[in-house]
N, C-alpha and C. Protein backbone atom coordinates (compact mmCIF):
# COMPACT_ATOMS: atom_id res chain seq x y z
N UNK A 1 87.91 83.37 88.44
CA UNK A 1 88.86 82.70 87.56
C UNK A 1 89.94 82.07 88.44
N UNK A 2 90.17 80.79 88.23
CA UNK A 2 91.25 80.13 88.95
C UNK A 2 92.57 80.74 88.55
N UNK A 3 93.56 80.59 89.41
CA UNK A 3 94.88 81.07 89.05
C UNK A 3 95.46 80.19 87.95
N UNK A 4 96.42 80.72 87.27
CA UNK A 4 97.16 80.03 86.21
C UNK A 4 96.44 79.98 84.87
N UNK A 5 95.32 80.69 84.72
CA UNK A 5 94.75 80.85 83.38
C UNK A 5 95.74 81.69 82.59
N UNK A 6 95.81 81.46 81.28
CA UNK A 6 96.75 82.20 80.45
C UNK A 6 96.09 82.78 79.20
N UNK A 7 96.71 83.82 78.70
CA UNK A 7 96.35 84.42 77.43
C UNK A 7 97.63 84.46 76.62
N UNK A 8 97.58 83.93 75.39
CA UNK A 8 98.77 83.83 74.55
C UNK A 8 98.50 84.44 73.18
N UNK A 9 99.57 84.82 72.50
CA UNK A 9 99.44 85.26 71.11
C UNK A 9 100.05 84.19 70.21
N UNK A 10 100.01 84.40 68.91
CA UNK A 10 100.55 83.43 67.95
C UNK A 10 102.05 83.20 68.13
N UNK A 11 102.76 84.23 68.58
CA UNK A 11 104.22 84.12 68.74
C UNK A 11 104.63 83.41 70.02
N UNK A 12 103.67 83.10 70.88
CA UNK A 12 103.99 82.39 72.11
C UNK A 12 104.20 83.27 73.34
N UNK A 13 103.93 84.56 73.24
CA UNK A 13 103.99 85.42 74.43
C UNK A 13 102.86 85.02 75.36
N UNK A 14 103.15 84.87 76.65
CA UNK A 14 102.16 84.34 77.59
C UNK A 14 101.93 85.32 78.73
N UNK A 15 100.65 85.63 78.96
CA UNK A 15 100.23 86.40 80.14
C UNK A 15 99.54 85.42 81.07
N UNK A 16 99.96 85.36 82.33
CA UNK A 16 99.31 84.52 83.33
C UNK A 16 98.46 85.41 84.23
N UNK A 17 97.18 85.12 84.29
CA UNK A 17 96.27 85.92 85.10
C UNK A 17 96.61 85.82 86.57
N UNK A 18 96.51 86.93 87.28
CA UNK A 18 96.63 86.87 88.74
C UNK A 18 95.33 86.28 89.29
N UNK A 19 95.25 86.08 90.59
CA UNK A 19 93.99 85.68 91.19
C UNK A 19 92.99 86.78 90.86
N UNK A 20 91.89 86.40 90.23
CA UNK A 20 90.96 87.40 89.71
C UNK A 20 89.57 86.79 89.63
N UNK A 21 88.57 87.54 90.02
CA UNK A 21 87.19 87.07 89.97
C UNK A 21 86.46 87.80 88.84
N UNK A 22 86.03 87.05 87.85
CA UNK A 22 85.31 87.60 86.71
C UNK A 22 83.86 87.11 86.80
N UNK A 23 82.91 88.02 86.99
CA UNK A 23 81.52 87.59 87.11
C UNK A 23 80.98 87.05 85.78
N UNK A 24 79.91 86.27 85.85
CA UNK A 24 79.26 85.77 84.64
C UNK A 24 78.88 86.95 83.75
N UNK A 25 79.14 86.81 82.46
CA UNK A 25 78.89 87.85 81.46
C UNK A 25 79.70 89.13 81.71
N UNK A 26 80.71 89.03 82.56
CA UNK A 26 81.58 90.17 82.83
C UNK A 26 82.68 90.26 81.79
N UNK A 27 83.52 91.25 81.93
CA UNK A 27 84.63 91.44 80.99
C UNK A 27 85.82 92.04 81.74
N UNK A 28 86.97 91.88 81.12
CA UNK A 28 88.20 92.49 81.62
C UNK A 28 89.06 92.84 80.41
N UNK A 29 89.68 94.00 80.45
CA UNK A 29 90.63 94.40 79.41
C UNK A 29 92.02 93.94 79.84
N UNK A 30 92.76 93.37 78.90
CA UNK A 30 94.15 93.01 79.14
C UNK A 30 94.98 93.96 78.29
N UNK A 31 95.78 94.76 78.93
CA UNK A 31 96.64 95.73 78.24
C UNK A 31 98.08 95.22 78.32
N UNK A 32 98.78 95.29 77.19
CA UNK A 32 100.14 94.74 77.16
C UNK A 32 101.16 95.64 77.82
N UNK A 33 100.85 96.90 78.02
CA UNK A 33 101.79 97.84 78.61
C UNK A 33 101.86 97.78 80.12
N UNK A 34 102.52 98.77 80.69
CA UNK A 34 102.67 98.86 82.14
C UNK A 34 101.53 99.67 82.73
N UNK A 35 101.11 99.32 83.93
CA UNK A 35 100.05 100.03 84.61
C UNK A 35 99.67 99.32 85.89
N UNK A 36 98.66 99.84 86.55
CA UNK A 36 98.17 99.28 87.80
C UNK A 36 96.85 98.56 87.53
N UNK A 37 96.77 97.29 87.92
CA UNK A 37 95.56 96.51 87.72
C UNK A 37 94.38 97.15 88.44
N UNK A 38 93.20 97.03 87.83
CA UNK A 38 91.96 97.49 88.46
C UNK A 38 90.91 96.39 88.27
N UNK A 39 89.68 96.66 88.65
CA UNK A 39 88.63 95.65 88.54
C UNK A 39 88.28 95.33 87.09
N UNK A 40 88.53 96.24 86.15
CA UNK A 40 88.18 96.03 84.74
C UNK A 40 89.38 95.96 83.80
N UNK A 41 90.58 96.26 84.30
CA UNK A 41 91.76 96.29 83.44
C UNK A 41 92.94 95.62 84.14
N UNK A 42 93.57 94.67 83.44
CA UNK A 42 94.78 94.01 83.93
C UNK A 42 95.92 94.34 82.98
N UNK A 43 97.10 94.52 83.52
CA UNK A 43 98.27 94.91 82.72
C UNK A 43 99.28 93.78 82.64
N UNK A 44 99.80 93.58 81.43
CA UNK A 44 100.80 92.55 81.13
C UNK A 44 102.18 92.99 81.62
N UNK A 45 102.37 94.29 81.78
CA UNK A 45 103.62 94.88 82.29
C UNK A 45 104.79 94.75 81.32
N UNK A 46 104.51 94.77 80.02
CA UNK A 46 105.56 94.72 79.01
C UNK A 46 105.94 96.14 78.58
N UNK A 47 107.14 96.29 78.06
CA UNK A 47 107.58 97.58 77.53
C UNK A 47 107.53 97.58 76.00
N UNK A 48 107.00 96.52 75.41
CA UNK A 48 106.89 96.38 73.96
C UNK A 48 105.49 95.88 73.63
N UNK A 49 105.10 96.04 72.37
CA UNK A 49 103.78 95.61 71.94
C UNK A 49 103.73 94.09 71.80
N UNK A 50 102.68 93.49 72.28
CA UNK A 50 102.49 92.05 72.17
C UNK A 50 101.69 91.71 70.92
N UNK A 51 100.62 92.43 70.69
CA UNK A 51 99.71 92.12 69.59
C UNK A 51 100.18 92.76 68.29
N UNK A 52 100.16 92.01 67.21
CA UNK A 52 100.61 92.49 65.91
C UNK A 52 99.50 93.30 65.22
N UNK A 53 99.84 94.46 64.68
CA UNK A 53 98.87 95.29 63.97
C UNK A 53 98.40 94.65 62.67
N UNK A 54 99.22 93.79 62.11
CA UNK A 54 98.87 93.15 60.83
C UNK A 54 98.01 91.91 61.03
N UNK A 55 97.71 91.57 62.26
CA UNK A 55 96.86 90.42 62.56
C UNK A 55 97.50 89.56 63.63
N UNK A 56 96.67 88.92 64.41
CA UNK A 56 97.15 88.06 65.48
C UNK A 56 95.99 87.20 65.96
N UNK A 57 96.28 86.30 66.86
CA UNK A 57 95.25 85.48 67.49
C UNK A 57 95.54 85.43 68.98
N UNK A 58 94.48 85.57 69.77
CA UNK A 58 94.57 85.44 71.22
C UNK A 58 94.00 84.07 71.61
N UNK A 59 94.71 83.37 72.47
CA UNK A 59 94.29 82.05 72.94
C UNK A 59 94.13 82.10 74.45
N UNK A 60 92.93 81.80 74.94
CA UNK A 60 92.66 81.76 76.37
C UNK A 60 92.63 80.31 76.82
N UNK A 61 93.48 79.98 77.81
CA UNK A 61 93.54 78.61 78.33
C UNK A 61 93.32 78.61 79.84
N UNK A 62 92.64 77.56 80.32
CA UNK A 62 92.40 77.45 81.75
C UNK A 62 93.63 76.92 82.47
N UNK A 63 93.50 76.71 83.77
CA UNK A 63 94.65 76.29 84.59
C UNK A 63 95.15 74.89 84.22
N UNK A 64 94.34 74.11 83.50
CA UNK A 64 94.77 72.79 83.03
C UNK A 64 95.38 72.84 81.63
N UNK A 65 95.41 74.03 81.03
CA UNK A 65 95.95 74.18 79.68
C UNK A 65 94.92 73.93 78.59
N UNK A 66 93.65 73.75 78.97
CA UNK A 66 92.59 73.50 78.01
C UNK A 66 92.19 74.80 77.33
N UNK A 67 92.16 74.79 76.01
CA UNK A 67 91.77 75.97 75.24
C UNK A 67 90.31 76.28 75.50
N UNK A 68 90.02 77.50 75.96
CA UNK A 68 88.66 77.91 76.28
C UNK A 68 88.08 78.87 75.25
N UNK A 69 88.92 79.66 74.60
CA UNK A 69 88.43 80.61 73.61
C UNK A 69 89.59 81.11 72.77
N UNK A 70 89.26 81.57 71.56
CA UNK A 70 90.24 82.23 70.70
C UNK A 70 89.59 83.46 70.07
N UNK A 71 90.42 84.37 69.65
CA UNK A 71 89.96 85.55 68.93
C UNK A 71 91.03 85.90 67.91
N UNK A 72 90.63 86.03 66.65
CA UNK A 72 91.57 86.34 65.57
C UNK A 72 91.14 87.61 64.87
N UNK A 73 92.13 88.43 64.51
CA UNK A 73 91.87 89.64 63.74
C UNK A 73 92.98 89.81 62.73
N UNK A 74 92.69 90.59 61.69
CA UNK A 74 93.70 90.81 60.65
C UNK A 74 93.61 92.22 60.11
N UNK A 75 94.73 92.71 59.64
CA UNK A 75 94.76 93.98 58.94
C UNK A 75 94.96 95.20 59.82
N UNK A 76 95.74 96.11 59.30
CA UNK A 76 95.96 97.38 59.97
C UNK A 76 94.66 98.16 59.99
N UNK A 77 94.38 98.76 61.11
CA UNK A 77 93.17 99.55 61.25
C UNK A 77 91.95 98.77 61.63
N UNK A 78 92.08 97.44 61.72
CA UNK A 78 90.92 96.66 62.16
C UNK A 78 90.83 96.73 63.68
N UNK A 79 89.64 96.61 64.17
CA UNK A 79 89.40 96.66 65.61
C UNK A 79 88.54 95.48 65.98
N UNK A 80 88.88 94.82 67.07
CA UNK A 80 88.14 93.64 67.51
C UNK A 80 88.00 93.65 69.02
N UNK A 81 86.85 93.28 69.49
CA UNK A 81 86.63 93.03 70.91
C UNK A 81 86.33 91.55 71.05
N UNK A 82 87.07 90.91 71.92
CA UNK A 82 86.88 89.46 72.09
C UNK A 82 86.34 89.18 73.48
């Protein structure tokens, strides 16, 4: 993944990916809290929740700002993997 890719929520909170290599058909978890990055988990380093329990949308954009993917969920207790 090139640097400067971003992940955003509906409210405009922005996570900018560090230099990171994601293999084809690979995955990475983005956690909004504090922690140490690993090969499968990256941390946003926030002290507050980014994603809304009542529903939200994640927007993945490349280094040019082009929208590459979205994921939307709604409702308390719903679970989604994007």
